[in-house]
């Protein structure tokens, strides 16, 4: 059996300290680099905020039973259903939660309330549960020269304030206004034409 030569590496204590500090510095550098990359990845991969709007249930009107004298005389009539009241408010294109009314230049003139059953055509822009937000949103369009109105609609849980433009006798005028709003936005909006 042959003798194997063994070589011994001798490291002085100062060299050992230098090697330990070098490995420690390299470890700290790699750790800080990982933290930096992690922060950049977290900022790039922020979750998208999805805004949803709850659609309220239609109002259930109490049924009115005719009296015995009306039934006997044959004077029972039924009212036509209110189709505009049974439609849920549309999703609005701007996020309602982000709207903040300006304190300085807000016109304090109240927006007109749309009369129910007027037989007019409107372009409905949005529906808010907060009257202040609805008023601020309507004021924005009022300052641009549009005829605005708030149309409240109560449900079993809350009241929706529908922001509408117009009040036209013909649907064609409301369609023209909707086309103008779409052109101004540069895309097809979620605004709807409604008939009161």
N, C-alpha and C. Protein backbone atom coordinates (compact mmCIF):
# COMPACT_ATOMS: atom_id res chain seq x y z
N UNK A 1 0.83 -1.16 0.00
CA UNK A 1 0.00 0.00 0.00
C UNK A 1 0.88 1.23 0.00
N UNK A 2 0.50 2.13 -0.89
CA UNK A 2 1.32 3.32 -1.06
C UNK A 2 0.92 4.37 -0.04
N UNK A 3 1.88 5.11 0.37
CA UNK A 3 1.63 6.21 1.30
C UNK A 3 1.06 7.40 0.55
N UNK A 4 -0.04 7.92 1.03
CA UNK A 4 -0.62 9.09 0.40
C UNK A 4 -0.07 10.31 1.10
N UNK A 5 0.21 11.28 0.26
CA UNK A 5 0.71 12.51 0.84
C UNK A 5 -0.47 13.40 1.21
N UNK A 6 -0.43 13.84 2.39
CA UNK A 6 -1.46 14.78 2.84
C UNK A 6 -0.85 16.15 2.93
N UNK A 7 -1.61 17.13 2.44
CA UNK A 7 -1.15 18.51 2.55
C UNK A 7 -2.04 19.25 3.51
N UNK A 8 -1.48 19.96 4.32
CA UNK A 8 -2.21 20.69 5.33
C UNK A 8 -2.23 22.16 4.96
N UNK A 9 -3.46 22.76 5.01
CA UNK A 9 -3.57 24.20 4.74
C UNK A 9 -3.61 24.89 6.08
N UNK A 10 -2.74 25.78 6.23
CA UNK A 10 -2.69 26.52 7.48
C UNK A 10 -3.26 27.91 7.23
N UNK A 11 -4.25 28.27 8.05
CA UNK A 11 -4.88 29.57 7.94
C UNK A 11 -4.66 30.29 9.26
N UNK A 12 -4.12 31.46 9.13
CA UNK A 12 -3.90 32.22 10.35
C UNK A 12 -5.22 32.81 10.84
N UNK A 13 -5.27 33.23 12.06
CA UNK A 13 -6.50 33.77 12.63
C UNK A 13 -6.94 35.04 11.93
N UNK A 14 -6.04 35.88 11.49
CA UNK A 14 -6.43 37.11 10.77
C UNK A 14 -7.03 36.77 9.42
N UNK A 15 -6.47 35.79 8.72
CA UNK A 15 -7.02 35.37 7.43
C UNK A 15 -8.40 34.74 7.62
N UNK A 16 -8.57 33.99 8.69
CA UNK A 16 -9.86 33.38 9.00
C UNK A 16 -10.92 34.45 9.27
N UNK A 17 -10.58 35.51 9.95
CA UNK A 17 -11.50 36.61 10.22
C UNK A 17 -11.87 37.32 8.93
N UNK A 18 -10.89 37.53 8.05
CA UNK A 18 -11.14 38.19 6.76
C UNK A 18 -12.09 37.34 5.91
N UNK A 19 -11.87 36.03 5.86
CA UNK A 19 -12.75 35.14 5.09
C UNK A 19 -14.17 35.17 5.67
N UNK A 20 -14.31 35.12 7.00
CA UNK A 20 -15.63 35.15 7.64
C UNK A 20 -16.36 36.46 7.33
N UNK A 21 -15.66 37.59 7.41
CA UNK A 21 -16.29 38.89 7.11
C UNK A 21 -16.68 38.99 5.64
N UNK A 22 -15.89 38.42 4.76
CA UNK A 22 -16.22 38.44 3.33
C UNK A 22 -17.48 37.64 3.04
N UNK A 23 -17.60 36.44 3.66
CA UNK A 23 -18.79 35.61 3.48
C UNK A 23 -20.01 36.30 4.07
N UNK A 24 -19.84 36.95 5.22
CA UNK A 24 -20.93 37.68 5.86
C UNK A 24 -21.40 38.86 4.98
N UNK A 25 -20.45 39.62 4.42
CA UNK A 25 -20.80 40.74 3.54
C UNK A 25 -21.52 40.25 2.29
N UNK A 26 -21.08 39.13 1.72
CA UNK A 26 -21.74 38.57 0.54
C UNK A 26 -23.16 38.12 0.88
N UNK A 27 -23.36 37.54 2.04
CA UNK A 27 -24.69 37.11 2.46
C UNK A 27 -25.63 38.30 2.65
N UNK A 28 -25.15 39.37 3.27
CA UNK A 28 -25.97 40.58 3.46
C UNK A 28 -26.33 41.19 2.11
N UNK A 29 -25.37 41.24 1.19
CA UNK A 29 -25.64 41.79 -0.15
C UNK A 29 -26.72 40.98 -0.87
N UNK A 30 -26.64 39.67 -0.83
CA UNK A 30 -27.64 38.82 -1.49
C UNK A 30 -29.01 39.00 -0.83
N UNK A 31 -29.05 39.10 0.49
CA UNK A 31 -30.32 39.32 1.20
C UNK A 31 -30.97 40.64 0.79
N UNK A 32 -30.19 41.72 0.78
CA UNK A 32 -30.73 43.03 0.40
C UNK A 32 -31.16 43.06 -1.07
N UNK A 33 -30.46 42.37 -1.91
CA UNK A 33 -30.85 42.28 -3.32
C UNK A 33 -32.19 41.55 -3.45
N UNK A 34 -32.37 40.50 -2.69
CA UNK A 34 -33.65 39.77 -2.71
C UNK A 34 -34.80 40.62 -2.20
N UNK A 35 -34.58 41.41 -1.15
CA UNK A 35 -35.61 42.30 -0.63
C UNK A 35 -35.98 43.34 -1.68
N UNK A 36 -35.00 43.90 -2.36
CA UNK A 36 -35.26 44.90 -3.40
C UNK A 36 -36.07 44.32 -4.55
N UNK A 37 -35.70 43.14 -5.01
CA UNK A 37 -36.44 42.49 -6.09
C UNK A 37 -37.85 42.15 -5.63
N UNK A 38 -38.00 41.71 -4.40
CA UNK A 38 -39.33 41.38 -3.88
C UNK A 38 -40.25 42.59 -3.83
N UNK A 39 -39.70 43.75 -3.44
CA UNK A 39 -40.52 44.96 -3.39
C UNK A 39 -40.97 45.38 -4.78
N UNK A 40 -40.06 45.26 -5.75
CA UNK A 40 -40.43 45.62 -7.13
C UNK A 40 -41.48 44.67 -7.67
N UNK A 41 -41.37 43.39 -7.36
CA UNK A 41 -42.36 42.43 -7.82
C UNK A 41 -43.71 42.68 -7.17
N UNK A 42 -43.70 43.07 -5.89
CA UNK A 42 -44.95 43.35 -5.19
C UNK A 42 -45.64 44.58 -5.78
N UNK A 43 -44.86 45.59 -6.16
CA UNK A 43 -45.48 46.79 -6.74
C UNK A 43 -45.98 46.52 -8.15
N UNK A 44 -45.34 45.64 -8.89
CA UNK A 44 -45.79 45.31 -10.24
C UNK A 44 -47.04 44.44 -10.18
N UNK A 45 -47.09 43.54 -9.23
CA UNK A 45 -48.18 42.58 -9.16
C UNK A 45 -49.26 42.99 -8.17
N UNK A 46 -49.55 44.30 -8.07
CA UNK A 46 -50.62 44.72 -7.16
C UNK A 46 -51.94 44.18 -7.68
N UNK A 47 -52.80 43.71 -6.81
CA UNK A 47 -54.08 43.15 -7.28
C UNK A 47 -54.96 44.24 -7.87
N UNK A 48 -55.66 43.90 -8.91
CA UNK A 48 -56.58 44.82 -9.55
C UNK A 48 -57.81 44.98 -8.67
N UNK A 49 -58.20 46.23 -8.46
CA UNK A 49 -59.38 46.48 -7.63
C UNK A 49 -60.61 46.38 -8.51
N UNK A 50 -61.51 45.50 -8.13
CA UNK A 50 -62.74 45.30 -8.89
C UNK A 50 -63.87 45.97 -8.13
N UNK A 51 -64.54 46.89 -8.82
CA UNK A 51 -65.65 47.61 -8.21
C UNK A 51 -66.94 46.98 -8.70
N UNK A 52 -67.74 46.51 -7.78
CA UNK A 52 -69.01 45.92 -8.15
C UNK A 52 -70.14 46.75 -7.58
N UNK A 53 -71.23 46.67 -8.22
CA UNK A 53 -72.40 47.42 -7.76
C UNK A 53 -73.52 46.43 -7.49
N UNK A 54 -74.08 46.53 -6.31
CA UNK A 54 -75.19 45.65 -5.99
C UNK A 54 -76.45 46.18 -6.64
N UNK A 55 -77.16 45.30 -7.28
CA UNK A 55 -78.41 45.68 -7.92
C UNK A 55 -79.54 45.40 -6.94
N UNK A 56 -80.27 46.44 -6.59
CA UNK A 56 -81.33 46.22 -5.61
C UNK A 56 -82.49 45.44 -6.21
N UNK A 57 -83.21 44.80 -5.32
CA UNK A 57 -84.39 44.07 -5.77
C UNK A 57 -85.49 45.05 -6.13
N UNK A 58 -86.34 44.69 -7.09
CA UNK A 58 -87.44 45.59 -7.46
C UNK A 58 -88.38 45.81 -6.28
N UNK A 59 -88.99 46.96 -6.28
CA UNK A 59 -89.94 47.29 -5.22
C UNK A 59 -91.20 46.47 -5.43
N UNK A 60 -91.63 45.83 -4.38
CA UNK A 60 -92.87 45.07 -4.46
C UNK A 60 -93.98 45.95 -3.89
N UNK A 61 -94.86 46.35 -4.78
CA UNK A 61 -95.95 47.20 -4.35
C UNK A 61 -97.06 46.32 -3.76
N UNK A 62 -97.68 46.80 -2.68
CA UNK A 62 -98.75 45.99 -2.09
C UNK A 62 -99.92 45.88 -3.07
N UNK A 63 -100.47 44.70 -3.11
CA UNK A 63 -101.60 44.52 -4.01
C UNK A 63 -102.84 45.17 -3.40
N UNK A 64 -103.56 45.85 -4.24
CA UNK A 64 -104.76 46.54 -3.79
C UNK A 64 -105.96 45.72 -4.26
N UNK A 65 -106.73 45.25 -3.31
CA UNK A 65 -107.90 44.45 -3.65
C UNK A 65 -109.10 45.39 -3.77
N UNK A 66 -109.91 45.19 -4.80
CA UNK A 66 -111.08 46.05 -4.95
C UNK A 66 -112.09 45.77 -3.84
N UNK A 67 -112.80 46.81 -3.52
CA UNK A 67 -113.85 46.65 -2.50
C UNK A 67 -114.99 45.84 -3.09
N UNK A 68 -115.85 45.40 -2.23
CA UNK A 68 -116.98 44.58 -2.67
C UNK A 68 -117.90 45.38 -3.59
N UNK A 69 -118.04 46.68 -3.33
CA UNK A 69 -118.93 47.49 -4.18
C UNK A 69 -118.33 47.70 -5.57
N UNK A 70 -116.98 47.85 -5.66
CA UNK A 70 -116.34 48.00 -6.97
C UNK A 70 -116.44 46.71 -7.77
N UNK A 71 -116.29 45.57 -7.10
CA UNK A 71 -116.37 44.30 -7.79
C UNK A 71 -117.78 44.06 -8.31
N UNK A 72 -118.74 44.42 -7.51
CA UNK A 72 -120.13 44.21 -7.91
C UNK A 72 -120.52 45.12 -9.07
N UNK A 73 -120.00 46.35 -9.06
CA UNK A 73 -120.38 47.29 -10.13
C UNK A 73 -119.55 47.10 -11.39
N UNK A 74 -118.42 46.34 -11.31
CA UNK A 74 -117.59 46.11 -12.49
C UNK A 74 -116.65 47.27 -12.79
N UNK A 75 -116.38 48.15 -11.83
CA UNK A 75 -115.50 49.31 -12.03
C UNK A 75 -114.05 49.01 -11.64
N UNK A 76 -113.61 47.80 -11.79
CA UNK A 76 -112.25 47.43 -11.42
C UNK A 76 -111.36 47.71 -12.62
N UNK A 77 -110.34 48.55 -12.40
CA UNK A 77 -109.35 48.84 -13.45
C UNK A 77 -107.98 48.57 -12.88
N UNK A 78 -107.07 48.21 -13.75
CA UNK A 78 -105.70 47.98 -13.29
C UNK A 78 -104.81 49.05 -13.91
N UNK A 79 -103.88 49.54 -13.11
CA UNK A 79 -102.94 50.55 -13.58
C UNK A 79 -101.84 49.86 -14.37
N UNK A 80 -101.33 50.52 -15.42
CA UNK A 80 -100.23 49.90 -16.18
C UNK A 80 -98.98 49.83 -15.30
N UNK A 81 -98.18 48.78 -15.47
CA UNK A 81 -96.98 48.66 -14.64
C UNK A 81 -95.98 49.75 -14.97
N UNK A 82 -95.23 50.16 -13.97
CA UNK A 82 -94.20 51.18 -14.15
C UNK A 82 -92.92 50.47 -14.56
N UNK A 83 -92.64 50.48 -15.85
CA UNK A 83 -91.48 49.74 -16.34
C UNK A 83 -90.18 50.39 -15.92
N UNK A 84 -90.12 51.71 -15.83
CA UNK A 84 -88.88 52.38 -15.46
C UNK A 84 -88.52 52.09 -14.01
N UNK A 85 -89.52 51.92 -13.14
CA UNK A 85 -89.24 51.67 -11.73
C UNK A 85 -88.78 50.24 -11.51
N UNK A 86 -89.12 49.32 -12.43
CA UNK A 86 -88.73 47.93 -12.23
C UNK A 86 -87.35 47.62 -12.77
N UNK A 87 -86.73 48.56 -13.48
CA UNK A 87 -85.41 48.33 -14.01
C UNK A 87 -84.37 48.69 -12.97
N UNK A 88 -83.34 47.83 -12.79
CA UNK A 88 -82.29 48.18 -11.84
C UNK A 88 -81.43 49.28 -12.43
N UNK A 89 -80.79 50.07 -11.58
CA UNK A 89 -79.93 51.12 -12.10
C UNK A 89 -78.71 50.50 -12.77
N UNK A 90 -78.21 51.10 -13.86
CA UNK A 90 -77.07 50.54 -14.57
C UNK A 90 -75.78 50.79 -13.81
N UNK A 91 -74.78 49.99 -14.18
CA UNK A 91 -73.46 50.24 -13.61
C UNK A 91 -72.90 51.51 -14.23
N UNK A 92 -72.33 52.34 -13.41
CA UNK A 92 -71.82 53.60 -13.92
C UNK A 92 -70.39 53.41 -14.39
N UNK A 93 -69.96 54.21 -15.40
CA UNK A 93 -68.61 54.06 -15.90
C UNK A 93 -67.59 54.66 -14.97
N UNK A 94 -67.81 55.81 -14.33
CA UNK A 94 -66.82 56.25 -13.36
C UNK A 94 -67.05 55.55 -12.03
N UNK A 95 -66.01 55.39 -11.29
CA UNK A 95 -66.14 54.76 -9.99
C UNK A 95 -66.73 55.74 -9.01
N UNK A 96 -67.96 55.44 -8.47
CA UNK A 96 -68.60 56.40 -7.60
C UNK A 96 -67.86 56.65 -6.30
N UNK A 97 -67.14 55.63 -5.81
CA UNK A 97 -66.48 55.80 -4.53
C UNK A 97 -65.34 56.80 -4.59
N UNK A 98 -64.79 57.06 -5.79
CA UNK A 98 -63.65 57.95 -5.91
C UNK A 98 -64.06 59.40 -6.13
N UNK A 99 -65.33 59.67 -6.33
CA UNK A 99 -65.75 61.04 -6.57
C UNK A 99 -65.77 61.82 -5.27
N UNK A 100 -65.16 62.96 -5.27
CA UNK A 100 -65.18 63.83 -4.12
C UNK A 100 -65.63 65.20 -4.58
N UNK A 101 -66.70 65.75 -4.00
CA UNK A 101 -67.14 67.07 -4.43
C UNK A 101 -66.11 68.13 -4.04
N UNK A 102 -65.89 69.08 -4.93
CA UNK A 102 -64.95 70.15 -4.66
C UNK A 102 -65.58 71.14 -3.70
N UNK A 103 -64.80 71.58 -2.74
CA UNK A 103 -65.31 72.47 -1.72
C UNK A 103 -65.46 73.90 -2.24
N UNK A 104 -64.62 74.32 -3.17
CA UNK A 104 -64.56 75.73 -3.52
C UNK A 104 -65.57 76.14 -4.58
N UNK A 105 -65.56 75.49 -5.72
CA UNK A 105 -66.34 75.99 -6.84
C UNK A 105 -67.61 75.18 -7.10
N UNK A 106 -68.20 74.61 -6.10
CA UNK A 106 -69.41 73.82 -6.29
C UNK A 106 -70.62 74.73 -6.34
N UNK A 107 -71.42 74.55 -7.38
CA UNK A 107 -72.64 75.33 -7.53
C UNK A 107 -73.67 74.76 -6.57
N UNK A 108 -74.16 75.56 -5.66
CA UNK A 108 -75.10 75.09 -4.64
C UNK A 108 -76.54 75.11 -5.12
N UNK A 109 -76.78 75.42 -6.39
CA UNK A 109 -78.13 75.40 -6.93
C UNK A 109 -78.59 73.96 -6.98
N UNK A 110 -79.75 73.64 -6.42
CA UNK A 110 -80.17 72.24 -6.42
C UNK A 110 -80.49 71.77 -7.83
N UNK A 111 -80.16 70.52 -8.07
CA UNK A 111 -80.47 69.89 -9.35
C UNK A 111 -81.96 69.56 -9.34
N UNK A 112 -82.62 69.76 -10.47
CA UNK A 112 -84.06 69.51 -10.52
C UNK A 112 -84.33 68.03 -10.37
N UNK A 113 -85.42 67.71 -9.75
CA UNK A 113 -85.84 66.32 -9.60
C UNK A 113 -86.78 65.98 -10.75
N UNK A 114 -86.51 64.85 -11.36
CA UNK A 114 -87.32 64.44 -12.50
C UNK A 114 -88.72 64.05 -12.01
N UNK A 115 -89.75 64.62 -12.62
CA UNK A 115 -91.10 64.22 -12.21
C UNK A 115 -91.39 62.80 -12.66
N UNK A 116 -91.98 62.02 -11.77
CA UNK A 116 -92.28 60.63 -12.09
C UNK A 116 -93.43 60.57 -13.09
N UNK A 117 -93.31 59.70 -14.06
CA UNK A 117 -94.36 59.51 -15.04
C UNK A 117 -94.53 60.69 -15.98
N UNK A 118 -93.43 61.38 -16.30
CA UNK A 118 -93.52 62.57 -17.14
C UNK A 118 -93.63 62.23 -18.63
N UNK A 119 -93.30 60.99 -19.00
CA UNK A 119 -93.36 60.59 -20.40
C UNK A 119 -92.18 61.11 -21.22
N UNK A 120 -91.11 61.55 -20.56
CA UNK A 120 -89.95 62.10 -21.25
C UNK A 120 -88.83 61.07 -21.31
N UNK A 121 -87.89 61.32 -22.23
CA UNK A 121 -86.74 60.44 -22.41
C UNK A 121 -85.51 61.10 -21.78
N UNK A 122 -84.73 60.29 -21.07
CA UNK A 122 -83.52 60.76 -20.39
C UNK A 122 -82.36 59.84 -20.74
N UNK A 123 -81.13 60.36 -20.59
CA UNK A 123 -79.94 59.53 -20.64
C UNK A 123 -79.48 59.38 -19.19
N UNK A 124 -79.57 58.16 -18.68
CA UNK A 124 -79.18 57.90 -17.30
C UNK A 124 -77.69 57.60 -17.25
N UNK A 125 -76.96 58.39 -16.44
CA UNK A 125 -75.51 58.27 -16.37
C UNK A 125 -75.04 57.33 -15.26
N UNK A 126 -75.66 57.45 -14.09
CA UNK A 126 -75.20 56.68 -12.94
C UNK A 126 -76.29 56.64 -11.89
N UNK A 127 -76.09 55.79 -10.90
CA UNK A 127 -76.99 55.71 -9.76
C UNK A 127 -76.14 55.60 -8.50
N UNK A 128 -76.42 56.43 -7.52
CA UNK A 128 -75.67 56.47 -6.27
C UNK A 128 -76.60 56.25 -5.09
N UNK A 129 -76.07 55.67 -4.03
CA UNK A 129 -76.85 55.57 -2.80
C UNK A 129 -76.62 56.79 -1.92
N UNK A 130 -75.57 57.55 -2.21
CA UNK A 130 -75.27 58.76 -1.45
C UNK A 130 -75.73 59.98 -2.26
N UNK A 131 -76.64 60.74 -1.71
CA UNK A 131 -77.21 61.88 -2.43
C UNK A 131 -76.15 62.94 -2.72
N UNK A 132 -75.20 63.13 -1.81
CA UNK A 132 -74.14 64.13 -2.02
C UNK A 132 -73.28 63.78 -3.23
N UNK A 133 -72.93 62.51 -3.36
CA UNK A 133 -72.14 62.07 -4.52
C UNK A 133 -72.94 62.24 -5.80
N UNK A 134 -74.22 61.90 -5.75
CA UNK A 134 -75.07 62.04 -6.93
C UNK A 134 -75.16 63.52 -7.33
N UNK A 135 -75.32 64.40 -6.35
CA UNK A 135 -75.42 65.84 -6.61
C UNK A 135 -74.12 66.36 -7.23
N UNK A 136 -72.97 65.93 -6.69
CA UNK A 136 -71.68 66.37 -7.21
C UNK A 136 -71.48 65.89 -8.65
N UNK A 137 -71.89 64.65 -8.91
CA UNK A 137 -71.75 64.10 -10.26
C UNK A 137 -72.66 64.85 -11.24
N UNK A 138 -73.87 65.17 -10.81
CA UNK A 138 -74.80 65.91 -11.66
C UNK A 138 -74.31 67.32 -11.89
N UNK A 139 -73.72 67.95 -10.87
CA UNK A 139 -73.21 69.32 -11.01
C UNK A 139 -72.10 69.40 -12.04
N UNK A 140 -71.31 68.33 -12.15
CA UNK A 140 -70.22 68.29 -13.14
C UNK A 140 -70.79 68.45 -14.56
N UNK A 141 -71.89 67.78 -14.83
CA UNK A 141 -72.50 67.88 -16.15
C UNK A 141 -73.31 69.16 -16.30
N UNK A 142 -73.85 69.64 -15.21
CA UNK A 142 -74.61 70.89 -15.26
C UNK A 142 -73.70 72.05 -15.64
N UNK A 143 -72.45 72.03 -15.14
CA UNK A 143 -71.49 73.09 -15.48
C UNK A 143 -71.09 73.03 -16.94
N UNK A 144 -71.27 71.87 -17.57
CA UNK A 144 -70.97 71.73 -19.00
C UNK A 144 -72.15 72.15 -19.87
N UNK A 145 -73.24 72.57 -19.24
CA UNK A 145 -74.39 73.08 -19.98
C UNK A 145 -75.52 72.09 -20.19
N UNK A 146 -75.44 70.92 -19.60
CA UNK A 146 -76.50 69.93 -19.75
C UNK A 146 -77.62 70.17 -18.75
N UNK A 147 -78.82 69.75 -19.11
CA UNK A 147 -79.95 69.77 -18.19
C UNK A 147 -79.89 68.48 -17.38
N UNK A 148 -79.66 68.62 -16.08
CA UNK A 148 -79.49 67.44 -15.23
C UNK A 148 -80.68 67.28 -14.30
N UNK A 149 -80.88 66.05 -13.84
CA UNK A 149 -81.93 65.79 -12.87
C UNK A 149 -81.54 64.60 -12.01
N UNK A 150 -82.03 64.61 -10.78
CA UNK A 150 -81.86 63.47 -9.88
C UNK A 150 -83.22 62.80 -9.74
N UNK A 151 -83.23 61.51 -9.92
CA UNK A 151 -84.47 60.77 -9.81
C UNK A 151 -84.31 59.73 -8.71
N UNK A 152 -84.83 60.00 -7.51
CA UNK A 152 -84.67 59.02 -6.43
C UNK A 152 -85.57 57.82 -6.63
N UNK A 153 -85.07 56.67 -6.23
CA UNK A 153 -85.85 55.44 -6.30
C UNK A 153 -85.58 54.64 -5.04
N UNK A 154 -86.60 54.47 -4.24
CA UNK A 154 -86.45 53.76 -2.97
C UNK A 154 -86.65 52.27 -3.17
N UNK A 155 -85.77 51.50 -2.55
CA UNK A 155 -85.92 50.05 -2.53
C UNK A 155 -86.17 49.64 -1.08
N UNK A 156 -86.24 48.36 -0.85
CA UNK A 156 -86.52 47.90 0.52
C UNK A 156 -85.35 48.17 1.45
N UNK A 157 -84.13 48.30 0.91
CA UNK A 157 -82.96 48.50 1.76
C UNK A 157 -82.38 49.90 1.71
N UNK A 158 -82.45 50.58 0.55
CA UNK A 158 -81.83 51.90 0.42
C UNK A 158 -82.50 52.68 -0.69
N UNK A 159 -82.10 53.95 -0.80
CA UNK A 159 -82.61 54.81 -1.87
C UNK A 159 -81.49 55.05 -2.86
N UNK A 160 -81.80 54.87 -4.14
CA UNK A 160 -80.85 55.12 -5.22
C UNK A 160 -81.18 56.47 -5.84
N UNK A 161 -80.16 57.31 -6.04
CA UNK A 161 -80.33 58.60 -6.69
C UNK A 161 -79.75 58.47 -8.09
N UNK A 162 -80.67 58.45 -9.08
CA UNK A 162 -80.26 58.25 -10.48
C UNK A 162 -79.98 59.61 -11.11
N UNK A 163 -78.77 59.75 -11.68
CA UNK A 163 -78.37 61.00 -12.32
C UNK A 163 -78.71 60.88 -13.80
N UNK A 164 -79.52 61.84 -14.28
CA UNK A 164 -79.99 61.79 -15.66
C UNK A 164 -79.77 63.12 -16.36
N UNK A 165 -79.59 63.04 -17.68
CA UNK A 165 -79.48 64.23 -18.51
C UNK A 165 -80.67 64.26 -19.45
N UNK A 166 -81.10 65.47 -19.77
CA UNK A 166 -82.15 65.63 -20.78
C UNK A 166 -83.52 65.80 -20.18
N UNK A 167 -84.46 65.21 -20.85
CA UNK A 167 -85.88 65.35 -20.56
C UNK A 167 -86.55 65.68 -21.89
N UNK A 168 -86.33 64.79 -22.88
CA UNK A 168 -86.76 65.03 -24.25
C UNK A 168 -88.10 64.36 -24.52
N UNK A 169 -88.87 64.97 -25.44
CA UNK A 169 -90.16 64.40 -25.81
C UNK A 169 -90.00 63.24 -26.78
N UNK A 170 -88.89 63.23 -27.54
CA UNK A 170 -88.69 62.13 -28.49
C UNK A 170 -87.43 61.34 -28.13
N UNK A 171 -87.47 60.05 -28.41
CA UNK A 171 -86.34 59.17 -28.13
C UNK A 171 -85.14 59.55 -28.99
N UNK A 172 -85.38 60.05 -30.20
CA UNK A 172 -84.28 60.41 -31.11
C UNK A 172 -83.37 61.47 -30.50
N UNK A 173 -83.95 62.43 -29.78
CA UNK A 173 -83.13 63.46 -29.14
C UNK A 173 -82.24 62.85 -28.06
N UNK A 174 -82.79 61.90 -27.30
CA UNK A 174 -82.00 61.23 -26.27
C UNK A 174 -80.90 60.38 -26.90
N UNK A 175 -81.20 59.74 -28.03
CA UNK A 175 -80.19 58.95 -28.74
C UNK A 175 -79.06 59.85 -29.23
N UNK A 176 -79.40 61.04 -29.74
CA UNK A 176 -78.38 61.99 -30.19
C UNK A 176 -77.48 62.42 -29.04
N UNK A 177 -78.08 62.68 -27.87
CA UNK A 177 -77.29 63.07 -26.70
C UNK A 177 -76.37 61.93 -26.27
N UNK A 178 -76.87 60.70 -26.30
CA UNK A 178 -76.04 59.55 -25.93
C UNK A 178 -74.86 59.41 -26.90
N UNK A 179 -75.10 59.62 -28.18
CA UNK A 179 -74.02 59.55 -29.16
C UNK A 179 -72.99 60.64 -28.90
N UNK A 180 -73.45 61.82 -28.52
CA UNK A 180 -72.54 62.94 -28.21
C UNK A 180 -71.68 62.61 -26.99
N UNK A 181 -72.29 62.01 -25.96
CA UNK A 181 -71.55 61.63 -24.76
C UNK A 181 -70.52 60.53 -25.06
N UNK A 182 -70.91 59.56 -25.91
CA UNK A 182 -69.98 58.50 -26.30
C UNK A 182 -68.80 59.07 -27.07
N UNK A 183 -69.08 60.04 -27.97
CA UNK A 183 -68.01 60.66 -28.75
C UNK A 183 -67.07 61.44 -27.84
N UNK A 184 -67.63 62.13 -26.84
CA UNK A 184 -66.80 62.90 -25.92
C UNK A 184 -65.93 61.99 -25.07
N UNK A 185 -66.45 60.81 -24.72
CA UNK A 185 -65.67 59.85 -23.92
C UNK A 185 -64.67 59.08 -24.78
N UNK A 186 -64.87 59.07 -26.08
CA UNK A 186 -63.97 58.34 -26.97
C UNK A 186 -64.22 56.85 -26.98
N UNK A 187 -65.33 56.41 -26.41
CA UNK A 187 -65.68 54.98 -26.36
C UNK A 187 -67.17 54.85 -26.11
N UNK A 188 -67.66 53.62 -26.21
CA UNK A 188 -69.07 53.38 -25.91
C UNK A 188 -69.22 53.31 -24.39
N UNK A 189 -70.07 54.15 -23.85
CA UNK A 189 -70.27 54.21 -22.41
C UNK A 189 -71.37 53.25 -21.98
N UNK A 190 -71.55 53.13 -20.68
CA UNK A 190 -72.61 52.29 -20.12
C UNK A 190 -73.90 53.07 -19.88
N UNK A 191 -73.97 54.29 -20.37
CA UNK A 191 -75.15 55.11 -20.15
C UNK A 191 -76.34 54.50 -20.87
N UNK A 192 -77.53 54.71 -20.29
CA UNK A 192 -78.73 54.12 -20.87
C UNK A 192 -79.78 55.19 -21.12
N UNK A 193 -80.62 54.92 -22.11
CA UNK A 193 -81.77 55.79 -22.37
C UNK A 193 -82.94 55.21 -21.60
N UNK A 194 -83.58 56.07 -20.80
CA UNK A 194 -84.72 55.62 -20.01
C UNK A 194 -85.93 56.49 -20.34
N UNK A 195 -87.11 55.92 -20.18
CA UNK A 195 -88.36 56.63 -20.46
C UNK A 195 -89.15 56.68 -19.17
N UNK A 196 -89.50 57.87 -18.76
CA UNK A 196 -90.29 58.02 -17.53
C UNK A 196 -91.74 58.14 -17.84
